[in-house]
């Protein structure tokens, strides 16, 4: 029977502090990422992860209660990197004080997000697991909510808009559309990744440009 969100413990048992423990912890994550690519999320197991990492299963259980907790840690690390890309993009493009520059450089954001995801061992497979595996879906949902709330807050501050449900929804749709385009560019190798990201950027530009233009031309 497939695991559900309520049935699975995802919290890590211990955060490593000593160097040796940190190396073991990292070896577990590296092994899990490699196996995720090789055997897929359904076949990966704590036994396989421990064997690949060169440790015993009880040693793995000192840090993680099950395979889903390992995958959750991998997903959290990847989404942290993706969120850092978003944060840096915001900081660079808001320096001029012109929010329309955000629209001009959406493609750069999508491309950088694609690149850091692809650079991570098992990046695509981690993203797919976060989307498809019930116990991991909350992590993806919460990460998107955090980024969308940050984006909405910045838009509200820059344009003097109220931080209301409508703005929150528009920001959330924007963030999810962006990630969907990045995932499509990674998954569908039969299509041009560049064209997927450029068309995705154009869709987001059209979604925002009329609203932003009206807001920035108000007397």
N, C-alpha and C. Protein backbone atom coordinates (compact mmCIF):
# COMPACT_ATOMS: atom_id res chain seq x y z
N UNK A 1 0.85 -1.20 0.00
CA UNK A 1 0.00 0.00 0.00
C UNK A 1 0.88 1.25 0.00
N UNK A 2 0.68 2.20 -0.92
CA UNK A 2 1.53 3.39 -0.98
C UNK A 2 1.46 4.19 0.31
N UNK A 3 2.61 4.76 0.68
CA UNK A 3 2.67 5.58 1.89
C UNK A 3 1.92 6.88 1.66
N UNK A 4 1.28 7.36 2.72
CA UNK A 4 0.60 8.65 2.66
C UNK A 4 1.36 9.65 3.51
N UNK A 5 0.98 10.92 3.42
CA UNK A 5 1.67 11.96 4.17
C UNK A 5 1.60 11.70 5.67
N UNK A 6 0.44 11.26 6.16
CA UNK A 6 0.24 11.10 7.59
C UNK A 6 1.00 9.90 8.15
N UNK A 7 1.32 8.94 7.31
CA UNK A 7 1.90 7.70 7.78
C UNK A 7 3.42 7.75 7.91
N UNK A 8 4.07 8.73 7.34
CA UNK A 8 5.52 8.69 7.19
C UNK A 8 6.20 9.80 8.00
N UNK A 9 7.20 9.40 8.77
CA UNK A 9 8.00 10.36 9.51
C UNK A 9 9.09 10.90 8.60
N UNK A 10 9.13 12.22 8.43
CA UNK A 10 10.09 12.83 7.51
C UNK A 10 11.20 13.60 8.22
N UNK A 11 11.07 13.80 9.52
CA UNK A 11 12.08 14.57 10.23
C UNK A 11 13.35 13.75 10.42
N UNK A 12 14.48 14.41 10.23
CA UNK A 12 15.75 13.76 10.49
C UNK A 12 15.88 13.52 11.99
N UNK A 13 16.55 12.43 12.35
CA UNK A 13 16.71 12.11 13.77
C UNK A 13 17.78 12.98 14.42
N UNK A 14 18.89 13.15 13.74
CA UNK A 14 20.01 13.89 14.31
C UNK A 14 20.68 14.73 13.23
N UNK A 15 21.04 15.94 13.58
CA UNK A 15 21.86 16.78 12.71
C UNK A 15 23.33 16.58 13.09
N UNK A 16 24.17 16.18 12.15
CA UNK A 16 25.56 15.91 12.49
C UNK A 16 26.31 17.17 12.91
N UNK A 17 27.16 17.04 13.92
CA UNK A 17 27.96 18.16 14.39
C UNK A 17 29.45 17.92 14.20
N UNK A 18 29.90 16.71 14.47
CA UNK A 18 31.31 16.39 14.29
C UNK A 18 31.60 16.12 12.83
N UNK A 19 32.86 16.31 12.44
CA UNK A 19 33.22 16.18 11.03
C UNK A 19 32.94 14.78 10.50
N UNK A 20 33.25 13.79 11.28
CA UNK A 20 33.01 12.42 10.82
C UNK A 20 31.52 12.18 10.58
N UNK A 21 30.70 12.66 11.49
CA UNK A 21 29.26 12.51 11.33
C UNK A 21 28.75 13.26 10.11
N UNK A 22 29.31 14.46 9.87
CA UNK A 22 28.92 15.23 8.69
C UNK A 22 29.27 14.50 7.41
N UNK A 23 30.44 13.85 7.40
CA UNK A 23 30.83 13.09 6.20
C UNK A 23 29.89 11.93 5.97
N UNK A 24 29.49 11.27 7.05
CA UNK A 24 28.54 10.15 6.92
C UNK A 24 27.20 10.65 6.39
N UNK A 25 26.74 11.74 6.95
CA UNK A 25 25.47 12.34 6.53
C UNK A 25 25.50 12.69 5.04
N UNK A 26 26.57 13.34 4.61
CA UNK A 26 26.69 13.72 3.20
C UNK A 26 26.79 12.49 2.31
N UNK A 27 27.48 11.46 2.79
CA UNK A 27 27.59 10.23 2.00
C UNK A 27 26.23 9.58 1.79
N UNK A 28 25.38 9.67 2.79
CA UNK A 28 24.02 9.14 2.67
C UNK A 28 23.25 9.89 1.59
N UNK A 29 23.35 11.22 1.61
CA UNK A 29 22.61 12.01 0.62
C UNK A 29 23.14 11.79 -0.79
N UNK A 30 24.46 11.72 -0.93
CA UNK A 30 25.06 11.47 -2.25
C UNK A 30 24.62 10.10 -2.77
N UNK A 31 24.67 9.10 -1.90
CA UNK A 31 24.27 7.75 -2.31
C UNK A 31 22.81 7.72 -2.74
N UNK A 32 21.96 8.40 -1.97
CA UNK A 32 20.52 8.42 -2.30
C UNK A 32 20.28 9.11 -3.64
N UNK A 33 20.98 10.21 -3.89
CA UNK A 33 20.82 10.92 -5.16
C UNK A 33 21.25 10.05 -6.33
N UNK A 34 22.36 9.35 -6.19
CA UNK A 34 22.84 8.48 -7.26
C UNK A 34 21.86 7.34 -7.51
N UNK A 35 21.36 6.75 -6.43
CA UNK A 35 20.43 5.62 -6.58
C UNK A 35 19.09 6.07 -7.14
N UNK A 36 18.70 7.28 -6.81
CA UNK A 36 17.45 7.80 -7.34
C UNK A 36 17.51 7.83 -8.87
N UNK A 37 18.66 8.19 -9.41
CA UNK A 37 18.85 8.20 -10.86
C UNK A 37 18.88 6.77 -11.41
N UNK A 38 19.56 5.89 -10.70
CA UNK A 38 19.81 4.54 -11.22
C UNK A 38 18.61 3.60 -11.10
N UNK A 39 17.90 3.64 -9.98
CA UNK A 39 16.84 2.66 -9.76
C UNK A 39 15.46 3.27 -9.61
N UNK A 40 15.37 4.58 -9.39
CA UNK A 40 14.07 5.23 -9.26
C UNK A 40 13.55 5.24 -7.84
N UNK A 41 12.56 6.07 -7.61
CA UNK A 41 12.06 6.30 -6.26
C UNK A 41 11.34 5.08 -5.69
N UNK A 42 10.74 4.24 -6.52
CA UNK A 42 10.01 3.09 -6.02
C UNK A 42 10.96 2.00 -5.52
N UNK A 43 12.10 1.83 -6.16
CA UNK A 43 13.02 0.74 -5.81
C UNK A 43 14.08 1.14 -4.80
N UNK A 44 14.29 2.42 -4.61
CA UNK A 44 15.31 2.86 -3.66
C UNK A 44 14.91 2.42 -2.25
N UNK A 45 15.89 2.05 -1.45
CA UNK A 45 15.61 1.58 -0.10
C UNK A 45 16.74 1.99 0.83
N UNK A 46 16.48 1.93 2.13
CA UNK A 46 17.54 2.26 3.08
C UNK A 46 18.68 1.26 2.98
N UNK A 47 18.39 0.01 2.66
CA UNK A 47 19.46 -0.98 2.49
C UNK A 47 20.38 -0.60 1.34
N UNK A 48 19.79 -0.22 0.21
CA UNK A 48 20.60 0.18 -0.94
C UNK A 48 21.40 1.45 -0.64
N UNK A 49 20.76 2.39 0.02
CA UNK A 49 21.45 3.65 0.33
C UNK A 49 22.63 3.39 1.25
N UNK A 50 22.41 2.59 2.31
CA UNK A 50 23.48 2.30 3.25
C UNK A 50 24.64 1.56 2.56
N UNK A 51 24.30 0.60 1.72
CA UNK A 51 25.35 -0.14 1.00
C UNK A 51 26.16 0.79 0.11
N UNK A 52 25.50 1.66 -0.64
CA UNK A 52 26.19 2.59 -1.53
C UNK A 52 27.05 3.57 -0.72
N UNK A 53 26.56 4.00 0.43
CA UNK A 53 27.28 4.96 1.25
C UNK A 53 28.43 4.32 2.03
N UNK A 54 28.47 3.00 2.04
CA UNK A 54 29.54 2.31 2.77
C UNK A 54 29.34 2.29 4.27
N UNK A 55 28.08 2.27 4.70
CA UNK A 55 27.77 2.24 6.13
C UNK A 55 26.75 1.13 6.39
N UNK A 56 26.50 0.86 7.64
CA UNK A 56 25.47 -0.11 8.00
C UNK A 56 24.10 0.56 8.01
N UNK A 57 23.07 -0.25 7.92
CA UNK A 57 21.71 0.29 7.99
C UNK A 57 21.45 0.94 9.35
N UNK A 58 21.86 0.33 10.48
CA UNK A 58 21.69 1.03 11.76
C UNK A 58 22.38 2.39 11.80
N UNK A 59 23.53 2.50 11.11
CA UNK A 59 24.22 3.80 11.07
C UNK A 59 23.38 4.82 10.33
N UNK A 60 22.73 4.39 9.25
CA UNK A 60 21.84 5.31 8.52
C UNK A 60 20.67 5.74 9.40
N UNK A 61 20.15 4.79 10.17
CA UNK A 61 18.99 5.10 11.00
C UNK A 61 19.32 6.06 12.15
N UNK A 62 20.58 6.30 12.41
CA UNK A 62 20.93 7.31 13.40
C UNK A 62 20.53 8.70 12.92
N UNK A 63 20.44 8.85 11.59
CA UNK A 63 20.14 10.16 11.01
C UNK A 63 18.76 10.23 10.39
N UNK A 64 18.30 9.15 9.79
CA UNK A 64 17.03 9.16 9.06
C UNK A 64 16.19 7.95 9.45
N UNK A 65 14.88 8.15 9.67
CA UNK A 65 14.03 7.03 10.07
C UNK A 65 13.62 6.12 8.92
N UNK A 66 13.71 6.61 7.67
CA UNK A 66 13.26 5.83 6.52
C UNK A 66 13.78 6.49 5.24
N UNK A 67 13.51 5.88 4.11
CA UNK A 67 14.01 6.40 2.84
C UNK A 67 13.35 7.74 2.49
N UNK A 68 12.10 7.92 2.91
CA UNK A 68 11.42 9.16 2.58
C UNK A 68 12.06 10.36 3.29
N UNK A 69 12.56 10.14 4.48
CA UNK A 69 13.24 11.22 5.19
C UNK A 69 14.53 11.60 4.47
N UNK A 70 15.23 10.60 3.92
CA UNK A 70 16.44 10.89 3.13
C UNK A 70 16.07 11.71 1.90
N UNK A 71 15.04 11.28 1.19
CA UNK A 71 14.61 11.99 -0.01
C UNK A 71 14.09 13.39 0.33
N UNK A 72 13.44 13.51 1.48
CA UNK A 72 12.96 14.82 1.92
C UNK A 72 14.14 15.77 2.15
N UNK A 73 15.22 15.26 2.74
CA UNK A 73 16.42 16.08 2.96
C UNK A 73 17.05 16.48 1.63
N UNK A 74 17.07 15.57 0.67
CA UNK A 74 17.58 15.90 -0.66
C UNK A 74 16.72 16.99 -1.30
N UNK A 75 15.41 16.84 -1.20
CA UNK A 75 14.51 17.83 -1.77
C UNK A 75 14.65 19.19 -1.12
N UNK A 76 14.79 19.20 0.20
CA UNK A 76 14.95 20.47 0.92
C UNK A 76 16.22 21.18 0.48
N UNK A 77 17.30 20.42 0.31
CA UNK A 77 18.57 21.02 -0.10
C UNK A 77 18.46 21.61 -1.51
N UNK A 78 17.81 20.88 -2.41
CA UNK A 78 17.67 21.36 -3.78
C UNK A 78 16.78 22.61 -3.83
N UNK A 79 15.69 22.60 -3.10
CA UNK A 79 14.79 23.75 -3.14
C UNK A 79 15.42 24.96 -2.46
N UNK A 80 16.29 24.73 -1.48
CA UNK A 80 17.03 25.85 -0.90
C UNK A 80 17.92 26.52 -1.95
N UNK A 81 18.58 25.70 -2.77
CA UNK A 81 19.44 26.25 -3.83
C UNK A 81 18.60 27.00 -4.85
N UNK A 82 17.47 26.42 -5.24
CA UNK A 82 16.58 27.10 -6.18
C UNK A 82 16.08 28.42 -5.61
N UNK A 83 15.74 28.43 -4.34
CA UNK A 83 15.24 29.65 -3.71
C UNK A 83 16.33 30.71 -3.60
N UNK A 84 17.58 30.29 -3.43
CA UNK A 84 18.69 31.23 -3.41
C UNK A 84 18.84 31.92 -4.77
N UNK A 85 18.65 31.16 -5.84
CA UNK A 85 18.69 31.73 -7.19
C UNK A 85 17.61 32.81 -7.32
N UNK A 86 16.42 32.51 -6.84
CA UNK A 86 15.32 33.47 -6.91
C UNK A 86 15.64 34.72 -6.10
N UNK A 87 16.18 34.52 -4.89
CA UNK A 87 16.51 35.66 -4.04
C UNK A 87 17.56 36.55 -4.68
N UNK A 88 18.59 35.95 -5.25
CA UNK A 88 19.65 36.74 -5.90
C UNK A 88 19.12 37.47 -7.12
N UNK A 89 18.24 36.82 -7.86
CA UNK A 89 17.64 37.44 -9.04
C UNK A 89 16.82 38.66 -8.64
N UNK A 90 16.04 38.52 -7.58
CA UNK A 90 15.26 39.66 -7.09
C UNK A 90 16.16 40.82 -6.69
N UNK A 91 17.21 40.52 -5.93
CA UNK A 91 18.09 41.58 -5.44
C UNK A 91 18.75 42.33 -6.59
N UNK A 92 19.22 41.60 -7.58
CA UNK A 92 19.90 42.23 -8.72
C UNK A 92 18.94 43.09 -9.53
N UNK A 93 17.74 42.58 -9.77
CA UNK A 93 16.83 43.27 -10.68
C UNK A 93 15.98 44.36 -10.01
N UNK A 94 16.03 44.41 -8.70
CA UNK A 94 15.30 45.47 -8.00
C UNK A 94 16.18 46.65 -7.63
N UNK A 95 17.47 46.55 -7.93
CA UNK A 95 18.38 47.63 -7.58
C UNK A 95 18.04 48.94 -8.29
N UNK A 96 17.49 48.84 -9.50
CA UNK A 96 17.16 50.05 -10.26
C UNK A 96 15.89 50.72 -9.76
N UNK A 97 15.09 49.97 -8.98
CA UNK A 97 13.82 50.51 -8.51
C UNK A 97 12.71 50.41 -9.53
N UNK A 98 12.98 49.79 -10.68
CA UNK A 98 11.98 49.64 -11.74
C UNK A 98 11.52 48.19 -11.79
N UNK A 99 10.31 47.88 -11.29
CA UNK A 99 9.85 46.49 -11.28
C UNK A 99 9.66 45.90 -12.67
N UNK A 100 9.55 46.76 -13.69
CA UNK A 100 9.41 46.23 -15.05
C UNK A 100 10.66 45.48 -15.49
N UNK A 101 11.80 45.77 -14.87
CA UNK A 101 13.02 45.03 -15.20
C UNK A 101 12.91 43.57 -14.80
N UNK A 102 12.10 43.29 -13.80
CA UNK A 102 11.86 41.90 -13.44
C UNK A 102 11.28 41.13 -14.62
N UNK A 103 10.35 41.77 -15.33
CA UNK A 103 9.74 41.12 -16.48
C UNK A 103 10.74 40.91 -17.60
N UNK A 104 11.63 41.88 -17.79
CA UNK A 104 12.60 41.78 -18.87
C UNK A 104 13.58 40.63 -18.65
N UNK A 105 13.77 40.23 -17.39
CA UNK A 105 14.80 39.24 -17.07
C UNK A 105 14.24 37.94 -16.50
N UNK A 106 12.99 37.65 -16.79
CA UNK A 106 12.39 36.40 -16.31
C UNK A 106 13.10 35.19 -16.90
N UNK A 107 13.49 35.29 -18.16
CA UNK A 107 14.19 34.16 -18.79
C UNK A 107 15.45 33.81 -18.02
N UNK A 108 16.19 34.81 -17.57
CA UNK A 108 17.42 34.55 -16.81
C UNK A 108 17.11 33.76 -15.54
N UNK A 109 16.03 34.10 -14.87
CA UNK A 109 15.64 33.39 -13.65
C UNK A 109 15.33 31.93 -13.97
N UNK A 110 14.54 31.69 -15.00
CA UNK A 110 14.18 30.32 -15.35
C UNK A 110 15.42 29.52 -15.76
N UNK A 111 16.31 30.16 -16.52
CA UNK A 111 17.51 29.47 -16.97
C UNK A 111 18.42 29.12 -15.80
N UNK A 112 18.61 30.06 -14.88
CA UNK A 112 19.47 29.79 -13.72
C UNK A 112 18.88 28.70 -12.84
N UNK A 113 17.56 28.71 -12.70
CA UNK A 113 16.91 27.67 -11.89
C UNK A 113 17.08 26.31 -12.56
N UNK A 114 16.92 26.27 -13.87
CA UNK A 114 17.15 25.02 -14.60
C UNK A 114 18.58 24.55 -14.42
N UNK A 115 19.54 25.46 -14.50
CA UNK A 115 20.95 25.09 -14.44
C UNK A 115 21.34 24.52 -13.07
N UNK A 116 20.87 25.15 -11.98
CA UNK A 116 21.25 24.63 -10.66
C UNK A 116 20.56 23.30 -10.37
N UNK A 117 19.37 23.12 -10.93
CA UNK A 117 18.67 21.84 -10.76
C UNK A 117 19.39 20.75 -11.52
N UNK A 118 19.78 21.04 -12.73
CA UNK A 118 20.49 20.06 -13.56
C UNK A 118 21.86 19.73 -12.99
N UNK A 119 22.50 20.71 -12.34
CA UNK A 119 23.84 20.50 -11.78
C UNK A 119 23.82 19.57 -10.57
N UNK A 120 22.68 19.48 -9.89
CA UNK A 120 22.55 18.61 -8.73
C UNK A 120 22.42 17.16 -9.19
N UNK A 121 23.22 16.27 -8.64
CA UNK A 121 23.06 14.85 -8.94
C UNK A 121 21.64 14.42 -8.61
N UNK A 122 20.95 13.86 -9.60
CA UNK A 122 19.57 13.45 -9.40
C UNK A 122 18.59 14.60 -9.30
N UNK A 123 18.99 15.79 -9.77
CA UNK A 123 18.12 16.96 -9.64
C UNK A 123 16.73 16.74 -10.22
N UNK A 124 16.67 16.24 -11.45
CA UNK A 124 15.38 16.00 -12.08
C UNK A 124 14.59 14.95 -11.31
N UNK A 125 15.26 13.89 -10.92
CA UNK A 125 14.58 12.81 -10.20
C UNK A 125 14.08 13.28 -8.83
N UNK A 126 14.83 14.16 -8.19
CA UNK A 126 14.38 14.71 -6.91
C UNK A 126 13.11 15.53 -7.12
N UNK A 127 13.12 16.38 -8.14
CA UNK A 127 11.94 17.19 -8.45
C UNK A 127 10.73 16.30 -8.74
N UNK A 128 10.94 15.24 -9.51
CA UNK A 128 9.85 14.34 -9.84
C UNK A 128 9.31 13.63 -8.60
N UNK A 129 10.22 13.26 -7.70
CA UNK A 129 9.80 12.60 -6.46
C UNK A 129 8.99 13.55 -5.59
N UNK A 130 9.41 14.81 -5.51
CA UNK A 130 8.67 15.79 -4.72
C UNK A 130 7.27 16.00 -5.26
N UNK A 131 7.13 15.86 -6.55
CA UNK A 131 5.82 16.07 -7.17
C UNK A 131 4.93 14.84 -7.07
N UNK A 132 5.54 13.64 -7.13
CA UNK A 132 4.75 12.42 -7.30
C UNK A 132 4.54 11.62 -6.02
N UNK A 133 5.45 11.72 -5.07
CA UNK A 133 5.39 10.87 -3.88
C UNK A 133 4.65 11.60 -2.76
N UNK A 134 3.55 11.02 -2.31
CA UNK A 134 2.67 11.70 -1.35
C UNK A 134 3.39 12.22 -0.11
N UNK A 135 4.25 11.44 0.53
CA UNK A 135 4.88 11.97 1.75
C UNK A 135 5.79 13.17 1.51
N UNK A 136 6.22 13.39 0.26
CA UNK A 136 7.15 14.47 -0.04
C UNK A 136 6.47 15.72 -0.60
N UNK A 137 5.19 15.62 -0.91
CA UNK A 137 4.53 16.72 -1.61
C UNK A 137 4.40 17.98 -0.76
N UNK A 138 4.30 17.83 0.55
CA UNK A 138 4.17 19.01 1.41
C UNK A 138 5.40 19.90 1.34
N UNK A 139 6.58 19.29 1.20
CA UNK A 139 7.81 20.07 1.11
C UNK A 139 7.77 20.98 -0.11
N UNK A 140 7.38 20.44 -1.24
CA UNK A 140 7.28 21.23 -2.48
C UNK A 140 6.24 22.33 -2.32
N UNK A 141 5.10 21.98 -1.75
CA UNK A 141 4.01 22.94 -1.56
C UNK A 141 4.46 24.10 -0.66
N UNK A 142 5.09 23.77 0.47
CA UNK A 142 5.50 24.81 1.41
C UNK A 142 6.59 25.69 0.82
N UNK A 143 7.52 25.10 0.07
CA UNK A 143 8.58 25.90 -0.55
C UNK A 143 8.00 26.89 -1.55
N UNK A 144 7.06 26.44 -2.37
CA UNK A 144 6.43 27.34 -3.33
C UNK A 144 5.65 28.44 -2.62
N UNK A 145 5.01 28.09 -1.52
CA UNK A 145 4.26 29.10 -0.76
C UNK A 145 5.19 30.17 -0.20
N UNK A 146 6.33 29.74 0.31
CA UNK A 146 7.29 30.69 0.88
C UNK A 146 7.80 31.65 -0.18
N UNK A 147 8.19 31.11 -1.33
CA UNK A 147 8.71 31.96 -2.41
C UNK A 147 7.62 32.89 -2.93
N UNK A 148 6.40 32.38 -3.09
CA UNK A 148 5.30 33.21 -3.59
C UNK A 148 4.97 34.33 -2.61
N UNK A 149 4.97 34.04 -1.32
CA UNK A 149 4.69 35.07 -0.32
C UNK A 149 5.77 36.14 -0.33
N UNK A 150 7.01 35.72 -0.49
CA UNK A 150 8.11 36.69 -0.56
C UNK A 150 7.94 37.58 -1.79
N UNK A 151 7.63 36.97 -2.91
CA UNK A 151 7.46 37.72 -4.15
C UNK A 151 6.30 38.70 -4.03
N UNK A 152 5.19 38.23 -3.49
CA UNK A 152 4.01 39.09 -3.33
C UNK A 152 4.33 40.26 -2.41
N UNK A 153 5.07 40.00 -1.34
CA UNK A 153 5.44 41.06 -0.41
C UNK A 153 6.29 42.13 -1.06
N UNK A 154 7.21 41.71 -1.91
CA UNK A 154 8.08 42.67 -2.60
C UNK A 154 7.29 43.50 -3.59
N UNK A 155 6.40 42.84 -4.36
CA UNK A 155 5.57 43.57 -5.31
C UNK A 155 4.70 44.59 -4.59
N UNK A 156 4.09 44.17 -3.49
CA UNK A 156 3.23 45.08 -2.72
C UNK A 156 4.03 46.27 -2.19
N UNK A 157 5.24 46.02 -1.74
CA UNK A 157 6.06 47.09 -1.19
C UNK A 157 6.51 48.07 -2.26
N UNK A 158 6.98 47.54 -3.39
CA UNK A 158 7.51 48.38 -4.46
C UNK A 158 6.42 49.23 -5.10
N UNK A 159 5.25 48.64 -5.28
CA UNK A 159 4.18 49.34 -6.00
C UNK A 159 3.16 50.00 -5.07
N UNK A 160 3.31 49.79 -3.78
CA UNK A 160 2.34 50.37 -2.86
C UNK A 160 0.98 49.72 -2.93
N UNK A 161 0.96 48.45 -3.27
CA UNK A 161 -0.30 47.71 -3.35
C UNK A 161 -0.64 47.11 -1.99
N UNK A 162 -1.93 46.82 -1.76
CA UNK A 162 -2.28 46.07 -0.55
C UNK A 162 -1.86 44.61 -0.70
N UNK A 163 -1.41 44.02 0.38
CA UNK A 163 -1.03 42.61 0.39
C UNK A 163 -2.30 41.79 0.63
N UNK A 164 -3.05 41.55 -0.46
CA UNK A 164 -4.34 40.89 -0.31
C UNK A 164 -4.31 39.51 -0.98
N UNK A 165 -5.45 38.82 -0.94
CA UNK A 165 -5.54 37.47 -1.48
C UNK A 165 -5.31 37.45 -2.99
N UNK A 166 -5.77 38.49 -3.68
CA UNK A 166 -5.62 38.53 -5.14
C UNK A 166 -4.14 38.59 -5.53
N UNK A 167 -3.39 39.43 -4.85
CA UNK A 167 -1.96 39.53 -5.14
C UNK A 167 -1.25 38.24 -4.75
N UNK A 168 -1.64 37.67 -3.62
CA UNK A 168 -1.04 36.40 -3.19
C UNK A 168 -1.27 35.29 -4.20
N UNK A 169 -2.49 35.23 -4.75
CA UNK A 169 -2.80 34.21 -5.74
C UNK A 169 -2.00 34.44 -7.02
N UNK A 170 -1.91 35.68 -7.46
CA UNK A 170 -1.17 35.97 -8.68
C UNK A 170 0.31 35.60 -8.52
N UNK A 171 0.86 35.89 -7.34
CA UNK A 171 2.24 35.52 -7.08
C UNK A 171 2.41 34.01 -7.06
N UNK A 172 1.45 33.31 -6.46
CA UNK A 172 1.56 31.86 -6.36
C UNK A 172 1.46 31.21 -7.74
N UNK A 173 0.53 31.68 -8.57
CA UNK A 173 0.42 31.17 -9.93
C UNK A 173 1.72 31.41 -10.70
N UNK A 174 2.31 32.58 -10.50
CA UNK A 174 3.56 32.93 -11.16
C UNK A 174 4.67 31.96 -10.79
N UNK A 175 4.82 31.70 -9.51
CA UNK A 175 5.89 30.81 -9.03
C UNK A 175 5.68 29.39 -9.55
N UNK A 176 4.45 28.91 -9.48
CA UNK A 176 4.20 27.54 -9.95
C UNK A 176 4.39 27.42 -11.46
N UNK A 177 3.98 28.43 -12.21
CA UNK A 177 4.20 28.41 -13.66
C UNK A 177 5.70 28.37 -13.97
N UNK A 178 6.47 29.15 -13.23
CA UNK A 178 7.91 29.18 -13.46
C UNK A 178 8.55 27.83 -13.21
N UNK A 179 8.23 27.21 -12.08
CA UNK A 179 8.80 25.90 -11.77
C UNK A 179 8.33 24.85 -12.78
N UNK A 180 7.07 24.94 -13.21
CA UNK A 180 6.56 23.98 -14.20
C UNK A 180 7.35 24.07 -15.50
N UNK A 181 7.68 25.28 -15.92
CA UNK A 181 8.45 25.45 -17.15
C UNK A 181 9.86 24.89 -16.99
N UNK A 182 10.46 25.11 -15.84
CA UNK A 182 11.79 24.57 -15.58
C UNK A 182 11.76 23.05 -15.62
N UNK A 183 10.76 22.46 -14.98
CA UNK A 183 10.65 21.00 -14.95
C UNK A 183 10.40 20.45 -16.35
N UNK A 184 9.59 21.13 -17.13
CA UNK A 184 9.34 20.69 -18.51
C UNK A 184 10.63 20.73 -19.32
N UNK A 185 11.43 21.78 -19.14
CA UNK A 185 12.69 21.90 -19.87
C UNK A 185 13.66 20.78 -19.49
N UNK A 186 13.57 20.31 -18.26
CA UNK A 186 14.44 19.22 -17.81
C UNK A 186 13.93 17.86 -18.27
N UNK A 187 12.62 17.69 -18.27
CA UNK A 187 12.03 16.38 -18.52
C UNK A 187 11.92 16.04 -20.00
N UNK A 188 11.50 16.98 -20.81
CA UNK A 188 11.19 16.68 -22.22
C UNK A 188 12.41 16.98 -23.08
N UNK A 189 13.26 15.99 -23.25
CA UNK A 189 14.49 16.19 -24.02
C UNK A 189 14.23 16.24 -25.52
N UNK A 190 13.01 15.95 -25.94
CA UNK A 190 12.66 16.04 -27.36
C UNK A 190 12.35 17.46 -27.80
N UNK A 191 12.26 18.38 -26.85
CA UNK A 191 11.98 19.78 -27.16
C UNK A 191 13.19 20.64 -26.80
N UNK A 192 13.25 21.82 -27.39
CA UNK A 192 14.33 22.75 -27.09
C UNK A 192 14.11 23.36 -25.70
N UNK A 193 15.05 23.12 -24.79
CA UNK A 193 14.94 23.68 -23.45
C UNK A 193 14.92 25.21 -23.51
N UNK A 194 15.73 25.76 -24.38
CA UNK A 194 15.78 27.22 -24.51
C UNK A 194 14.42 27.78 -24.91
N UNK A 195 13.79 27.16 -25.90
CA UNK A 195 12.51 27.65 -26.36
C UNK A 195 11.41 27.48 -25.31
N UNK A 196 11.47 26.38 -24.57
CA UNK A 196 10.50 26.19 -23.49
C UNK A 196 10.61 27.32 -22.48
N UNK A 197 11.85 27.62 -22.08
CA UNK A 197 12.06 28.66 -21.07
C UNK A 197 11.74 30.05 -21.60
N UNK A 198 12.04 30.29 -22.86
CA UNK A 198 11.73 31.60 -23.44
C UNK A 198 10.22 31.79 -23.57
N UNK A 199 9.51 30.76 -23.98
CA UNK A 199 8.06 30.87 -24.08
C UNK A 199 7.44 30.98 -22.68
N UNK A 200 8.01 30.25 -21.72
CA UNK A 200 7.52 30.37 -20.35
C UNK A 200 7.72 31.77 -19.82
N UNK A 201 8.90 32.35 -20.10
CA UNK A 201 9.17 33.72 -19.67
C UNK A 201 8.19 34.69 -20.31
N UNK A 202 7.89 34.47 -21.58
CA UNK A 202 6.96 35.34 -22.27
C UNK A 202 5.56 35.26 -21.67
N UNK A 203 5.13 34.06 -21.31
CA UNK A 203 3.83 33.89 -20.68
C UNK A 203 3.75 34.67 -19.36
N UNK A 204 4.82 34.60 -18.57
CA UNK A 204 4.84 35.31 -17.29
C UNK A 204 4.89 36.82 -17.51
N UNK A 205 5.59 37.25 -18.54
CA UNK A 205 5.63 38.68 -18.87
C UNK A 205 4.24 39.19 -19.22
N UNK A 206 3.53 38.44 -20.04
CA UNK A 206 2.18 38.84 -20.43
C UNK A 206 1.24 38.82 -19.23
N UNK A 207 1.47 37.91 -18.33
CA UNK A 207 0.63 37.79 -17.13
C UNK A 207 0.73 39.03 -16.25
N UNK A 208 1.90 39.66 -16.24
CA UNK A 208 2.14 40.78 -15.33
C UNK A 208 2.23 42.15 -16.00
N UNK A 209 2.55 42.21 -17.28
CA UNK A 209 2.96 43.50 -17.83
C UNK A 209 1.87 44.57 -17.80
N UNK A 210 0.64 44.22 -18.11
CA UNK A 210 -0.43 45.24 -18.09
C UNK A 210 -0.65 45.79 -16.69
N UNK A 211 -0.64 44.91 -15.71
CA UNK A 211 -0.85 45.34 -14.33
C UNK A 211 0.28 46.24 -13.86
N UNK A 212 1.51 45.81 -14.12
CA UNK A 212 2.67 46.60 -13.69
C UNK A 212 2.74 47.93 -14.44
N UNK A 213 2.43 47.90 -15.72
CA UNK A 213 2.48 49.13 -16.50
C UNK A 213 1.47 50.16 -15.96
N UNK A 214 0.27 49.71 -15.65
CA UNK A 214 -0.74 50.61 -15.10
C UNK A 214 -0.30 51.16 -13.74
N UNK A 215 0.31 50.28 -12.94
CA UNK A 215 0.71 50.70 -11.61
C UNK A 215 1.84 51.72 -11.65
N UNK A 216 2.77 51.54 -12.59
CA UNK A 216 3.93 52.44 -12.64
C UNK A 216 3.66 53.72 -13.39
N UNK A 217 2.52 53.85 -14.06
CA UNK A 217 2.19 55.09 -14.78
C UNK A 217 1.11 55.90 -14.06
N UNK A 218 0.72 55.46 -12.87
CA UNK A 218 -0.28 56.23 -12.11
C UNK A 218 0.33 57.57 -11.68
N UNK A 219 -0.46 58.65 -11.76
CA UNK A 219 0.07 59.96 -11.33
C UNK A 219 0.34 59.97 -9.83
